[in-house]
Amino acid sequence: MKTVAMIPARMGSQRLKKKNLAPLVGQPLITHAIEKCLASGCFDEIYINSENAEFGQFADQYGIKFYQRPEELGNSVATSEQFVYDFLKNVECDRLVQVHSIAPLLTGEEVQAFAEAFIASDADVMLSCIEDQIEVAYQDQPINFTFAEKTNSQDLRPTQRITWSITGWCAQSYIEAVESGRVGTYNGKIAFYPVGAISGHVIKTQEDLEIAEALLSVLAKHQVV
C-alpha cells in the first residue's frame, strides 16, 4: 500500500500575498510542512502540488517531488475537491495525506501519528479536528448542551471543529465518488482525528502569521517543538 504526502501550495492568495512563501521564524511556510513530512518517516513519496513552477525549487532543495497542476486549478475559485481529484488521477497512490503549509504549528510527531492512524484504519476519509469542550451554539440553537439545564463544561460532549491542517483520503474511493457525481472530500467512512488547539492554528492573514510567530517563540522556550 503506497502512502503519499501532498503539500498544496497555491501562489495566489487574497488576504496574505504569496502566503506559502511568507517567512515564519526565518524560513518560508512551505518548508515547515516539507520538513515535518520528511521527519515523520512514514510516507513513500512527498509532493508539492502547485500551479506555479516556482515551488519546484523547494522540491529540488529537499529531494522530494513536484506536481504542477493545471493553471486553472490555482486560481481563487478552484476548490480543494478539484485539485485533489486532479492529483489523484495523475499520481499513483493508495492513500493520500494532505499536509497544509498554512498550519505550521502542527508538529512532526502529530503528522506521523495522524498518518499511522489513517493507515491502520478502515476509514475512507480522516479529518483533523480540534475538540472544543465548551458550550457551542449554531444559529442561536445549542449543539452540545441544552437551555433546560446548566452542565459543567467538563461533562459536555466535545464538538469537533475541522482544521484541515492534515487530512487523509483513500485514493480509489475519492476518485469513484467524484466520478459518480458525489463529493470526494467527504465520502464513505469518515473518521475524525483530534489535534491540539495550537496545532490547528491556520494562517490566512498577516495577523495569523504574527500569532504563529509568537506562539512558536513561547513553545520554543518550553521545548515543546
N, C-alpha and C. Protein backbone atom coordinates (compact mmCIF):
# COMPACT_ATOMS: atom_id res chain seq x y z
N MET A 1 0.85 -1.19 0.00
CA MET A 1 0.00 0.00 0.00
C MET A 1 0.89 1.25 0.00
N LYS A 2 0.69 2.09 -0.98
CA LYS A 2 1.51 3.28 -1.14
C LYS A 2 0.83 4.50 -0.52
N THR A 3 1.55 5.15 0.38
CA THR A 3 1.02 6.34 1.04
C THR A 3 1.84 7.55 0.62
N VAL A 4 1.16 8.55 0.10
CA VAL A 4 1.81 9.76 -0.42
C VAL A 4 1.38 10.97 0.41
N ALA A 5 2.33 11.83 0.72
CA ALA A 5 2.03 13.12 1.35
C ALA A 5 1.98 14.17 0.26
N MET A 6 0.99 15.05 0.32
CA MET A 6 0.85 16.11 -0.67
C MET A 6 0.70 17.45 0.05
N ILE A 7 1.57 18.39 -0.30
CA ILE A 7 1.54 19.72 0.29
C ILE A 7 1.00 20.69 -0.77
N PRO A 8 -0.22 21.18 -0.63
CA PRO A 8 -0.76 22.12 -1.61
C PRO A 8 -0.14 23.50 -1.42
N ALA A 9 0.18 24.16 -2.53
CA ALA A 9 0.86 25.46 -2.45
C ALA A 9 0.44 26.35 -3.61
N ARG A 10 -0.67 27.03 -3.43
CA ARG A 10 -1.11 27.97 -4.45
C ARG A 10 -0.34 29.28 -4.29
N MET A 11 0.12 29.86 -5.41
CA MET A 11 0.89 31.09 -5.33
C MET A 11 0.01 32.28 -4.99
N GLY A 12 -1.15 32.36 -5.60
CA GLY A 12 -2.05 33.48 -5.34
C GLY A 12 -2.81 33.30 -4.05
N SER A 13 -3.02 34.37 -3.33
CA SER A 13 -3.86 34.38 -2.13
C SER A 13 -4.38 35.79 -1.95
N GLN A 14 -5.60 35.92 -1.49
CA GLN A 14 -6.25 37.22 -1.46
C GLN A 14 -5.91 38.03 -0.21
N ARG A 15 -5.85 37.38 0.94
CA ARG A 15 -5.66 38.12 2.19
C ARG A 15 -4.20 38.29 2.58
N LEU A 16 -3.37 37.32 2.26
CA LEU A 16 -1.93 37.40 2.55
C LEU A 16 -1.20 37.00 1.28
N LYS A 17 -0.60 37.96 0.61
CA LYS A 17 0.02 37.73 -0.69
C LYS A 17 1.15 36.70 -0.60
N LYS A 18 1.16 35.81 -1.59
CA LYS A 18 2.17 34.75 -1.66
C LYS A 18 2.34 34.06 -0.29
N LYS A 19 1.21 33.67 0.25
CA LYS A 19 1.16 33.15 1.62
C LYS A 19 2.13 32.01 1.88
N ASN A 20 2.22 31.08 0.95
CA ASN A 20 3.07 29.91 1.18
C ASN A 20 4.55 30.23 1.23
N LEU A 21 4.91 31.42 0.74
CA LEU A 21 6.30 31.87 0.79
C LEU A 21 6.56 32.83 1.95
N ALA A 22 5.53 33.14 2.72
CA ALA A 22 5.68 34.07 3.83
C ALA A 22 6.66 33.50 4.86
N PRO A 23 7.56 34.34 5.37
CA PRO A 23 8.56 33.83 6.31
C PRO A 23 8.00 33.64 7.72
N LEU A 24 8.32 32.50 8.30
CA LEU A 24 7.98 32.21 9.69
C LEU A 24 9.24 31.71 10.37
N VAL A 25 9.68 32.40 11.40
CA VAL A 25 10.97 32.15 12.06
C VAL A 25 12.09 31.96 11.04
N GLY A 26 12.10 32.81 10.04
CA GLY A 26 13.23 32.87 9.12
C GLY A 26 13.17 31.94 7.93
N GLN A 27 12.09 31.19 7.76
CA GLN A 27 12.00 30.31 6.60
C GLN A 27 10.57 30.29 6.06
N PRO A 28 10.41 30.07 4.74
CA PRO A 28 9.07 30.09 4.13
C PRO A 28 8.14 29.06 4.76
N LEU A 29 6.87 29.40 4.82
CA LEU A 29 5.89 28.49 5.41
C LEU A 29 5.96 27.09 4.82
N ILE A 30 6.11 27.03 3.51
CA ILE A 30 6.07 25.71 2.86
C ILE A 30 7.17 24.78 3.35
N THR A 31 8.31 25.33 3.72
CA THR A 31 9.42 24.47 4.15
C THR A 31 9.14 23.84 5.51
N HIS A 32 8.34 24.48 6.33
CA HIS A 32 7.96 23.88 7.61
C HIS A 32 7.19 22.58 7.36
N ALA A 33 6.26 22.61 6.41
CA ALA A 33 5.48 21.41 6.09
C ALA A 33 6.36 20.32 5.50
N ILE A 34 7.27 20.70 4.61
CA ILE A 34 8.17 19.72 4.00
C ILE A 34 9.00 19.01 5.06
N GLU A 35 9.59 19.78 5.95
CA GLU A 35 10.47 19.21 6.97
C GLU A 35 9.72 18.26 7.90
N LYS A 36 8.45 18.57 8.21
CA LYS A 36 7.67 17.70 9.08
C LYS A 36 7.27 16.41 8.37
N CYS A 37 6.98 16.51 7.09
CA CYS A 37 6.67 15.30 6.33
C CYS A 37 7.89 14.38 6.26
N LEU A 38 9.05 14.97 6.02
CA LEU A 38 10.28 14.19 5.96
C LEU A 38 10.60 13.57 7.31
N ALA A 39 10.44 14.36 8.38
CA ALA A 39 10.77 13.88 9.72
C ALA A 39 9.85 12.75 10.17
N SER A 40 8.62 12.72 9.64
CA SER A 40 7.68 11.69 10.07
C SER A 40 8.13 10.29 9.65
N GLY A 41 8.82 10.20 8.52
CA GLY A 41 9.34 8.92 8.06
C GLY A 41 8.30 7.89 7.69
N CYS A 42 7.08 8.33 7.38
CA CYS A 42 6.02 7.34 7.12
C CYS A 42 5.39 7.48 5.74
N PHE A 43 6.04 8.23 4.85
CA PHE A 43 5.48 8.41 3.51
C PHE A 43 6.40 7.79 2.46
N ASP A 44 5.78 7.14 1.47
CA ASP A 44 6.56 6.57 0.37
C ASP A 44 7.06 7.66 -0.56
N GLU A 45 6.26 8.70 -0.72
CA GLU A 45 6.65 9.86 -1.54
C GLU A 45 6.03 11.12 -0.94
N ILE A 46 6.71 12.23 -1.16
CA ILE A 46 6.21 13.53 -0.71
C ILE A 46 6.20 14.46 -1.92
N TYR A 47 5.07 15.12 -2.12
CA TYR A 47 4.90 16.02 -3.27
C TYR A 47 4.52 17.42 -2.81
N ILE A 48 5.02 18.42 -3.53
CA ILE A 48 4.43 19.75 -3.51
C ILE A 48 3.49 19.80 -4.70
N ASN A 49 2.29 20.31 -4.49
CA ASN A 49 1.28 20.40 -5.55
C ASN A 49 0.94 21.87 -5.77
N SER A 50 1.38 22.42 -6.90
CA SER A 50 1.13 23.84 -7.17
C SER A 50 0.94 24.08 -8.66
N GLU A 51 0.25 25.17 -8.98
CA GLU A 51 0.13 25.60 -10.38
C GLU A 51 1.34 26.39 -10.83
N ASN A 52 2.19 26.80 -9.86
CA ASN A 52 3.32 27.68 -10.15
C ASN A 52 4.64 26.93 -10.03
N ALA A 53 5.41 26.95 -11.12
CA ALA A 53 6.67 26.20 -11.16
C ALA A 53 7.70 26.70 -10.17
N GLU A 54 7.50 27.90 -9.63
CA GLU A 54 8.47 28.45 -8.66
C GLU A 54 8.62 27.56 -7.44
N PHE A 55 7.56 26.82 -7.10
CA PHE A 55 7.64 25.95 -5.93
C PHE A 55 8.50 24.71 -6.19
N GLY A 56 8.82 24.46 -7.45
CA GLY A 56 9.67 23.32 -7.77
C GLY A 56 11.03 23.40 -7.14
N GLN A 57 11.52 24.62 -6.89
CA GLN A 57 12.84 24.79 -6.29
C GLN A 57 12.90 24.19 -4.88
N PHE A 58 11.78 24.25 -4.17
CA PHE A 58 11.76 23.69 -2.82
C PHE A 58 11.75 22.16 -2.87
N ALA A 59 11.08 21.62 -3.87
CA ALA A 59 11.11 20.17 -4.05
C ALA A 59 12.53 19.71 -4.34
N ASP A 60 13.23 20.44 -5.21
CA ASP A 60 14.62 20.10 -5.54
C ASP A 60 15.51 20.23 -4.30
N GLN A 61 15.30 21.27 -3.55
CA GLN A 61 16.13 21.54 -2.37
C GLN A 61 16.04 20.42 -1.34
N TYR A 62 14.84 19.88 -1.17
CA TYR A 62 14.63 18.86 -0.14
C TYR A 62 14.60 17.43 -0.69
N GLY A 63 14.77 17.28 -1.99
CA GLY A 63 14.79 15.94 -2.57
C GLY A 63 13.44 15.27 -2.59
N ILE A 64 12.37 16.07 -2.72
CA ILE A 64 11.03 15.50 -2.84
C ILE A 64 10.52 15.75 -4.25
N LYS A 65 9.25 15.48 -4.51
CA LYS A 65 8.71 15.59 -5.86
C LYS A 65 7.81 16.82 -6.01
N PHE A 66 7.67 17.25 -7.25
CA PHE A 66 6.83 18.40 -7.56
C PHE A 66 5.81 18.02 -8.61
N TYR A 67 4.55 18.31 -8.32
CA TYR A 67 3.48 18.10 -9.29
C TYR A 67 2.90 19.46 -9.66
N GLN A 68 2.97 19.81 -10.95
CA GLN A 68 2.42 21.09 -11.39
C GLN A 68 1.01 20.86 -11.92
N ARG A 69 0.05 21.30 -11.15
CA ARG A 69 -1.35 21.15 -11.55
C ARG A 69 -1.69 22.17 -12.64
N PRO A 70 -2.78 21.97 -13.37
CA PRO A 70 -3.20 22.94 -14.39
C PRO A 70 -3.39 24.32 -13.77
N GLU A 71 -3.06 25.34 -14.53
CA GLU A 71 -3.10 26.71 -14.02
C GLU A 71 -4.47 27.10 -13.49
N GLU A 72 -5.52 26.61 -14.13
CA GLU A 72 -6.87 26.97 -13.70
C GLU A 72 -7.24 26.39 -12.34
N LEU A 73 -6.46 25.42 -11.86
CA LEU A 73 -6.70 24.86 -10.53
C LEU A 73 -5.91 25.58 -9.46
N GLY A 74 -5.32 26.72 -9.84
CA GLY A 74 -4.59 27.52 -8.87
C GLY A 74 -5.20 28.88 -8.64
N ASN A 75 -6.37 29.12 -9.27
CA ASN A 75 -6.99 30.43 -9.08
C ASN A 75 -7.86 30.45 -7.82
N SER A 76 -8.44 31.61 -7.51
CA SER A 76 -9.15 31.79 -6.25
C SER A 76 -10.50 31.08 -6.19
N VAL A 77 -10.99 30.61 -7.33
CA VAL A 77 -12.29 29.93 -7.32
C VAL A 77 -12.15 28.40 -7.38
N ALA A 78 -10.96 27.92 -7.69
CA ALA A 78 -10.74 26.47 -7.70
C ALA A 78 -10.84 25.92 -6.29
N THR A 79 -11.42 24.75 -6.14
CA THR A 79 -11.62 24.15 -4.82
C THR A 79 -10.62 23.01 -4.58
N SER A 80 -10.44 22.68 -3.32
CA SER A 80 -9.57 21.56 -2.99
C SER A 80 -10.13 20.26 -3.56
N GLU A 81 -11.44 20.15 -3.63
CA GLU A 81 -12.07 18.98 -4.23
C GLU A 81 -11.54 18.75 -5.64
N GLN A 82 -11.36 19.83 -6.38
CA GLN A 82 -10.90 19.73 -7.77
C GLN A 82 -9.42 19.39 -7.86
N PHE A 83 -8.59 20.08 -7.08
CA PHE A 83 -7.15 19.82 -7.27
C PHE A 83 -6.71 18.51 -6.62
N VAL A 84 -7.42 18.06 -5.60
CA VAL A 84 -7.10 16.74 -5.03
C VAL A 84 -7.47 15.65 -6.03
N TYR A 85 -8.62 15.78 -6.66
CA TYR A 85 -9.02 14.81 -7.69
C TYR A 85 -8.01 14.79 -8.83
N ASP A 86 -7.60 15.96 -9.29
CA ASP A 86 -6.61 16.05 -10.36
C ASP A 86 -5.32 15.36 -9.95
N PHE A 87 -4.88 15.59 -8.73
CA PHE A 87 -3.64 14.97 -8.24
C PHE A 87 -3.77 13.45 -8.23
N LEU A 88 -4.88 12.96 -7.70
CA LEU A 88 -5.07 11.51 -7.60
C LEU A 88 -5.18 10.83 -8.96
N LYS A 89 -5.65 11.55 -9.94
CA LYS A 89 -5.73 10.99 -11.29
C LYS A 89 -4.37 10.93 -11.97
N ASN A 90 -3.41 11.66 -11.44
CA ASN A 90 -2.10 11.74 -12.10
C ASN A 90 -0.94 11.20 -11.28
N VAL A 91 -1.16 10.96 -10.00
CA VAL A 91 -0.11 10.42 -9.14
C VAL A 91 -0.65 9.15 -8.49
N GLU A 92 0.00 8.05 -8.75
CA GLU A 92 -0.47 6.77 -8.25
C GLU A 92 -0.21 6.63 -6.75
N CYS A 93 -1.25 6.30 -6.01
CA CYS A 93 -1.10 6.02 -4.59
C CYS A 93 -2.36 5.32 -4.10
N ASP A 94 -2.25 4.72 -2.93
CA ASP A 94 -3.41 4.09 -2.30
C ASP A 94 -4.04 5.02 -1.27
N ARG A 95 -3.18 5.74 -0.56
CA ARG A 95 -3.64 6.70 0.44
C ARG A 95 -2.93 8.02 0.22
N LEU A 96 -3.67 9.09 0.42
CA LEU A 96 -3.11 10.43 0.28
C LEU A 96 -3.29 11.17 1.60
N VAL A 97 -2.21 11.75 2.08
CA VAL A 97 -2.27 12.59 3.28
C VAL A 97 -1.89 14.00 2.86
N GLN A 98 -2.84 14.91 2.99
CA GLN A 98 -2.59 16.30 2.64
C GLN A 98 -2.12 17.04 3.90
N VAL A 99 -0.95 17.65 3.80
CA VAL A 99 -0.38 18.39 4.92
C VAL A 99 -0.32 19.86 4.51
N HIS A 100 -1.07 20.70 5.19
CA HIS A 100 -1.17 22.10 4.80
C HIS A 100 0.00 22.92 5.35
N SER A 101 0.63 23.68 4.47
CA SER A 101 1.71 24.56 4.92
C SER A 101 1.18 25.71 5.75
N ILE A 102 -0.11 26.02 5.62
CA ILE A 102 -0.67 27.14 6.38
C ILE A 102 -1.04 26.74 7.81
N ALA A 103 -0.66 25.52 8.21
CA ALA A 103 -0.83 25.09 9.61
C ALA A 103 0.55 24.70 10.15
N PRO A 104 1.47 25.66 10.25
CA PRO A 104 2.86 25.34 10.58
C PRO A 104 3.10 24.91 12.02
N LEU A 105 2.10 25.06 12.89
CA LEU A 105 2.28 24.68 14.29
C LEU A 105 1.95 23.21 14.53
N LEU A 106 1.43 22.54 13.51
CA LEU A 106 1.27 21.09 13.57
C LEU A 106 2.66 20.48 13.68
N THR A 107 2.87 19.62 14.66
CA THR A 107 4.21 19.08 14.89
C THR A 107 4.50 17.87 14.00
N GLY A 108 5.78 17.57 13.86
CA GLY A 108 6.18 16.38 13.12
C GLY A 108 5.63 15.12 13.75
N GLU A 109 5.57 15.11 15.08
CA GLU A 109 5.02 13.95 15.78
C GLU A 109 3.54 13.76 15.47
N GLU A 110 2.82 14.87 15.34
CA GLU A 110 1.40 14.78 15.00
C GLU A 110 1.20 14.32 13.57
N VAL A 111 2.07 14.76 12.66
CA VAL A 111 1.99 14.28 11.28
C VAL A 111 2.17 12.77 11.24
N GLN A 112 3.18 12.28 11.96
CA GLN A 112 3.44 10.85 12.00
C GLN A 112 2.28 10.09 12.62
N ALA A 113 1.78 10.59 13.76
CA ALA A 113 0.70 9.90 14.46
C ALA A 113 -0.58 9.87 13.61
N PHE A 114 -0.87 10.97 12.94
CA PHE A 114 -2.05 11.02 12.08
C PHE A 114 -1.91 10.01 10.94
N ALA A 115 -0.77 10.04 10.26
CA ALA A 115 -0.57 9.14 9.12
C ALA A 115 -0.66 7.68 9.54
N GLU A 116 -0.05 7.35 10.66
CA GLU A 116 -0.08 5.97 11.13
C GLU A 116 -1.50 5.55 11.51
N ALA A 117 -2.25 6.48 12.12
CA ALA A 117 -3.64 6.16 12.49
C ALA A 117 -4.49 5.96 11.25
N PHE A 118 -4.28 6.78 10.23
CA PHE A 118 -5.05 6.65 9.00
C PHE A 118 -4.71 5.35 8.28
N ILE A 119 -3.45 5.03 8.19
CA ILE A 119 -3.01 3.80 7.52
C ILE A 119 -3.58 2.56 8.23
N ALA A 120 -3.64 2.61 9.55
CA ALA A 120 -4.12 1.47 10.32
C ALA A 120 -5.64 1.36 10.33
N SER A 121 -6.33 2.42 9.91
CA SER A 121 -7.79 2.45 9.99
C SER A 121 -8.43 1.87 8.73
N ASP A 122 -9.76 1.72 8.79
CA ASP A 122 -10.52 1.33 7.60
C ASP A 122 -11.31 2.52 7.06
N ALA A 123 -10.91 3.72 7.44
CA ALA A 123 -11.63 4.93 7.03
C ALA A 123 -11.28 5.29 5.58
N ASP A 124 -12.28 5.81 4.88
CA ASP A 124 -12.04 6.36 3.54
C ASP A 124 -11.52 7.80 3.64
N VAL A 125 -11.91 8.47 4.70
CA VAL A 125 -11.52 9.86 4.93
C VAL A 125 -11.17 10.02 6.40
N MET A 126 -10.08 10.75 6.69
CA MET A 126 -9.77 11.10 8.06
C MET A 126 -9.55 12.61 8.12
N LEU A 127 -10.34 13.27 8.97
CA LEU A 127 -10.31 14.72 9.11
C LEU A 127 -9.68 15.10 10.44
N SER A 128 -8.73 16.02 10.41
CA SER A 128 -8.17 16.53 11.65
C SER A 128 -9.14 17.54 12.25
N CYS A 129 -9.23 17.54 13.57
CA CYS A 129 -10.17 18.44 14.22
C CYS A 129 -9.64 18.87 15.58
N ILE A 130 -10.17 19.98 16.05
CA ILE A 130 -9.94 20.43 17.42
C ILE A 130 -11.19 20.11 18.22
N GLU A 131 -11.01 19.41 19.32
CA GLU A 131 -12.16 19.07 20.16
C GLU A 131 -12.35 20.19 21.19
N ASP A 132 -13.46 20.90 21.05
CA ASP A 132 -13.79 22.00 21.95
C ASP A 132 -14.81 21.54 22.98
N GLN A 133 -14.39 21.45 24.24
CA GLN A 133 -15.31 21.02 25.30
C GLN A 133 -15.86 22.26 26.01
N ILE A 134 -16.72 22.94 25.30
CA ILE A 134 -17.36 24.16 25.78
C ILE A 134 -18.72 24.26 25.09
N GLU A 135 -19.63 25.01 25.65
CA GLU A 135 -20.94 25.15 25.05
C GLU A 135 -20.84 25.79 23.66
N VAL A 136 -21.45 25.14 22.68
CA VAL A 136 -21.42 25.64 21.31
C VAL A 136 -22.85 25.71 20.77
N ALA A 137 -23.17 26.85 20.13
CA ALA A 137 -24.48 27.02 19.51
C ALA A 137 -24.31 27.32 18.03
N TYR A 138 -25.33 27.01 17.26
CA TYR A 138 -25.35 27.32 15.83
C TYR A 138 -26.70 27.93 15.49
N GLN A 139 -26.67 29.13 14.91
CA GLN A 139 -27.89 29.86 14.57
C GLN A 139 -28.82 29.95 15.79
N ASP A 140 -28.21 30.31 16.91
CA ASP A 140 -28.91 30.57 18.17
C ASP A 140 -29.47 29.32 18.84
N GLN A 141 -29.10 28.15 18.35
CA GLN A 141 -29.57 26.91 18.95
C GLN A 141 -28.40 26.09 19.50
N PRO A 142 -28.57 25.50 20.68
CA PRO A 142 -27.47 24.73 21.29
C PRO A 142 -27.14 23.48 20.49
N ILE A 143 -25.85 23.17 20.42
CA ILE A 143 -25.39 21.98 19.70
C ILE A 143 -25.09 20.84 20.67
N ASN A 144 -24.29 21.12 21.69
CA ASN A 144 -23.85 20.06 22.60
C ASN A 144 -24.30 20.30 24.04
N PHE A 145 -25.30 21.15 24.20
CA PHE A 145 -25.86 21.40 25.52
C PHE A 145 -27.33 21.75 25.36
N THR A 146 -28.01 21.96 26.45
CA THR A 146 -29.43 22.30 26.40
C THR A 146 -29.70 23.52 27.27
N PHE A 147 -30.64 24.34 26.83
CA PHE A 147 -31.03 25.51 27.62
C PHE A 147 -31.84 25.10 28.86
N ALA A 148 -32.22 23.84 28.92
CA ALA A 148 -33.08 23.38 30.02
C ALA A 148 -32.31 23.18 31.32
N GLU A 149 -30.97 23.08 31.23
CA GLU A 149 -30.17 22.89 32.43
C GLU A 149 -28.77 23.42 32.22
N LYS A 150 -28.08 23.68 33.33
CA LYS A 150 -26.68 24.11 33.26
C LYS A 150 -25.79 22.92 33.57
N THR A 151 -24.90 22.61 32.62
CA THR A 151 -23.99 21.48 32.75
C THR A 151 -22.57 22.00 32.88
N ASN A 152 -21.76 21.33 33.70
CA ASN A 152 -20.36 21.71 33.79
C ASN A 152 -19.66 21.42 32.47
N SER A 153 -18.75 22.30 32.08
CA SER A 153 -18.07 22.16 30.79
C SER A 153 -17.38 20.82 30.64
N GLN A 154 -16.77 20.33 31.73
CA GLN A 154 -16.04 19.07 31.64
C GLN A 154 -16.95 17.86 31.39
N ASP A 155 -18.26 18.06 31.56
CA ASP A 155 -19.20 16.97 31.33
C ASP A 155 -19.83 17.03 29.94
N LEU A 156 -19.49 18.07 29.18
CA LEU A 156 -20.07 18.22 27.85
C LEU A 156 -19.40 17.29 26.84
N ARG A 157 -20.16 16.90 25.84
CA ARG A 157 -19.58 16.15 24.72
C ARG A 157 -18.84 17.15 23.83
N PRO A 158 -17.55 16.94 23.56
CA PRO A 158 -16.79 17.92 22.78
C PRO A 158 -17.32 18.06 21.35
N THR A 159 -17.32 19.27 20.85
CA THR A 159 -17.58 19.47 19.43
C THR A 159 -16.28 19.25 18.67
N GLN A 160 -16.39 18.95 17.39
CA GLN A 160 -15.22 18.64 16.57
C GLN A 160 -15.11 19.68 15.46
N ARG A 161 -14.19 20.63 15.65
CA ARG A 161 -14.00 21.71 14.68
C ARG A 161 -12.91 21.29 13.69
N ILE A 162 -13.30 21.07 12.44
CA ILE A 162 -12.36 20.61 11.42
C ILE A 162 -11.32 21.69 11.15
N THR A 163 -10.05 21.30 11.13
CA THR A 163 -8.97 22.28 10.96
C THR A 163 -8.36 22.29 9.57
N TRP A 164 -8.40 21.15 8.85
CA TRP A 164 -7.76 20.98 7.55
C TRP A 164 -6.23 21.08 7.64
N SER A 165 -5.68 21.09 8.83
CA SER A 165 -4.22 21.13 8.94
C SER A 165 -3.60 19.87 8.34
N ILE A 166 -4.29 18.75 8.50
CA ILE A 166 -3.84 17.49 7.90
C ILE A 166 -5.09 16.65 7.64
N THR A 167 -5.13 16.02 6.46
CA THR A 167 -6.31 15.28 6.04
C THR A 167 -5.88 14.02 5.29
N GLY A 168 -6.62 12.95 5.46
CA GLY A 168 -6.31 11.71 4.76
C GLY A 168 -7.46 11.22 3.90
N TRP A 169 -7.12 10.72 2.70
CA TRP A 169 -8.13 10.14 1.81
C TRP A 169 -7.62 8.84 1.20
N CYS A 170 -8.51 7.88 1.03
CA CYS A 170 -8.21 6.71 0.22
C CYS A 170 -8.43 7.10 -1.24
N ALA A 171 -7.43 6.87 -2.07
CA ALA A 171 -7.46 7.36 -3.44
C ALA A 171 -8.63 6.80 -4.24
N GLN A 172 -8.83 5.50 -4.19
CA GLN A 172 -9.84 4.87 -5.03
C GLN A 172 -11.24 5.36 -4.70
N SER A 173 -11.57 5.42 -3.41
CA SER A 173 -12.93 5.84 -3.04
C SER A 173 -13.16 7.31 -3.36
N TYR A 174 -12.11 8.13 -3.25
CA TYR A 174 -12.23 9.55 -3.59
C TYR A 174 -12.55 9.71 -5.09
N ILE A 175 -11.76 9.03 -5.92
CA ILE A 175 -11.96 9.11 -7.37
C ILE A 175 -13.33 8.59 -7.76
N GLU A 176 -13.72 7.46 -7.19
CA GLU A 176 -15.02 6.88 -7.51
C GLU A 176 -16.16 7.81 -7.11
N ALA A 177 -16.02 8.48 -5.98
CA ALA A 177 -17.06 9.40 -5.53
C ALA A 177 -17.22 10.56 -6.50
N VAL A 178 -16.10 11.18 -6.87
CA VAL A 178 -16.16 12.33 -7.77
C VAL A 178 -16.73 11.92 -9.12
N GLU A 179 -16.29 10.79 -9.64
CA GLU A 179 -16.71 10.38 -10.98
C GLU A 179 -18.16 9.88 -11.02
N SER A 180 -18.74 9.62 -9.85
CA SER A 180 -20.15 9.24 -9.80
C SER A 180 -21.04 10.41 -9.41
N GLY A 181 -20.45 11.62 -9.35
CA GLY A 181 -21.23 12.82 -9.05
C GLY A 181 -21.39 13.12 -7.58
N ARG A 182 -20.67 12.39 -6.73
CA ARG A 182 -20.73 12.65 -5.30
C ARG A 182 -19.52 13.49 -4.87
N VAL A 183 -19.40 13.77 -3.60
CA VAL A 183 -18.30 14.59 -3.08
C VAL A 183 -17.17 13.68 -2.61
N GLY A 184 -15.99 13.87 -3.18
CA GLY A 184 -14.85 13.07 -2.79
C GLY A 184 -14.32 13.42 -1.42
N THR A 185 -14.35 14.69 -1.08
CA THR A 185 -13.80 15.16 0.19
C THR A 185 -14.45 14.46 1.37
N TYR A 186 -15.76 14.25 1.28
CA TYR A 186 -16.50 13.56 2.35
C TYR A 186 -17.17 12.33 1.74
N ASN A 187 -16.44 11.25 1.66
CA ASN A 187 -17.04 10.05 1.07
C ASN A 187 -16.80 8.84 1.95
N GLY A 188 -17.69 7.88 1.85
CA GLY A 188 -17.50 6.61 2.54
C GLY A 188 -17.47 6.77 4.05
N LYS A 189 -16.60 6.00 4.68
CA LYS A 189 -16.47 6.03 6.13
C LYS A 189 -15.54 7.17 6.53
N ILE A 190 -16.05 8.09 7.36
CA ILE A 190 -15.29 9.28 7.75
C ILE A 190 -14.90 9.18 9.21
N ALA A 191 -13.61 9.36 9.48
CA ALA A 191 -13.09 9.34 10.84
C ALA A 191 -12.56 10.72 11.20
N PHE A 192 -12.56 11.02 12.50
CA PHE A 192 -12.05 12.30 12.99
C PHE A 192 -10.83 12.04 13.87
N TYR A 193 -9.80 12.88 13.67
CA TYR A 193 -8.57 12.73 14.44
C TYR A 193 -8.27 14.05 15.15
N PRO A 194 -8.27 14.05 16.48
CA PRO A 194 -8.05 15.31 17.20
C PRO A 194 -6.58 15.74 17.19
N VAL A 195 -6.37 17.03 16.95
CA VAL A 195 -5.05 17.63 17.09
C VAL A 195 -5.17 18.74 18.14
N GLY A 196 -4.03 19.21 18.63
CA GLY A 196 -4.05 20.26 19.65
C GLY A 196 -4.59 21.57 19.11
N ALA A 197 -5.09 22.40 20.02
CA ALA A 197 -5.65 23.69 19.62
C ALA A 197 -4.61 24.56 18.93
N ILE A 198 -3.37 24.50 19.40
CA ILE A 198 -2.30 25.29 18.78
C ILE A 198 -1.97 24.72 17.40
N SER A 199 -1.94 23.41 17.30
CA SER A 199 -1.61 22.76 16.02
C SER A 199 -2.63 23.06 14.94
N GLY A 200 -3.85 23.37 15.35
CA GLY A 200 -4.90 23.67 14.39
C GLY A 200 -4.94 25.13 13.96
N HIS A 201 -4.01 25.93 14.45
CA HIS A 201 -3.97 27.34 14.06
C HIS A 201 -3.60 27.45 12.58
N VAL A 202 -4.48 28.08 11.80
CA VAL A 202 -4.30 28.19 10.36
C VAL A 202 -4.00 29.64 9.97
N ILE A 203 -3.05 29.81 9.08
CA ILE A 203 -2.63 31.16 8.67
C ILE A 203 -3.35 31.57 7.39
N LYS A 204 -4.14 32.62 7.50
CA LYS A 204 -4.83 33.19 6.35
C LYS A 204 -4.54 34.68 6.19
N THR A 205 -4.13 35.32 7.28
CA THR A 205 -3.88 36.75 7.26
C THR A 205 -2.52 37.06 7.88
N GLN A 206 -2.08 38.29 7.76
CA GLN A 206 -0.83 38.72 8.39
C GLN A 206 -0.92 38.58 9.91
N GLU A 207 -2.07 38.87 10.45
CA GLU A 207 -2.25 38.73 11.90
C GLU A 207 -2.08 37.27 12.33
N ASP A 208 -2.64 36.34 11.55
CA ASP A 208 -2.48 34.91 11.85
C ASP A 208 -1.00 34.53 11.85
N LEU A 209 -0.26 35.08 10.90
CA LEU A 209 1.17 34.79 10.80
C LEU A 209 1.91 35.31 12.03
N GLU A 210 1.57 36.50 12.46
CA GLU A 210 2.22 37.08 13.64
C GLU A 210 1.87 36.30 14.90
N ILE A 211 0.63 35.80 14.99
CA ILE A 211 0.24 34.97 16.13
C ILE A 211 1.06 33.68 16.14
N ALA A 212 1.23 33.06 14.96
CA ALA A 212 2.03 31.83 14.87
C ALA A 212 3.47 32.08 15.30
N GLU A 213 4.02 33.21 14.89
CA GLU A 213 5.39 33.56 15.27
C GLU A 213 5.51 33.68 16.79
N ALA A 214 4.52 34.33 17.40
CA ALA A 214 4.53 34.50 18.85
C ALA A 214 4.38 33.16 19.57
N LEU A 215 3.48 32.32 19.06
CA LEU A 215 3.27 31.01 19.68
C LEU A 215 4.52 30.15 19.58
N LEU A 216 5.17 30.17 18.43
CA LEU A 216 6.40 29.39 18.27
C LEU A 216 7.47 29.85 19.23
N SER A 217 7.54 31.15 19.47
CA SER A 217 8.53 31.68 20.40
C SER A 217 8.28 31.16 21.82
N VAL A 218 7.01 31.14 22.21
CA VAL A 218 6.66 30.64 23.54
C VAL A 218 6.91 29.14 23.63
N LEU A 219 6.50 28.41 22.61
CA LEU A 219 6.69 26.95 22.61
C LEU A 219 8.17 26.58 22.66
N ALA A 220 8.99 27.33 21.96
CA ALA A 220 10.43 27.06 21.94
C ALA A 220 11.02 27.20 23.33
N LYS A 221 10.54 28.17 24.09
CA LYS A 221 11.03 28.37 25.46
C LYS A 221 10.71 27.18 26.34
N HIS A 222 9.58 26.53 26.03
CA HIS A 222 9.16 25.38 26.85
C HIS A 222 9.57 24.07 26.17
N GLN A 223 10.32 24.18 25.07
CA GLN A 223 10.85 23.00 24.36
C GLN A 223 9.74 22.03 23.96
N VAL A 224 8.61 22.63 23.48
CA VAL A 224 7.51 21.79 23.02
C VAL A 224 7.74 21.38 21.56
N VAL A 225 8.36 22.25 20.76
CA VAL A 225 8.65 21.93 19.37
C VAL A 225 10.14 22.00 19.14
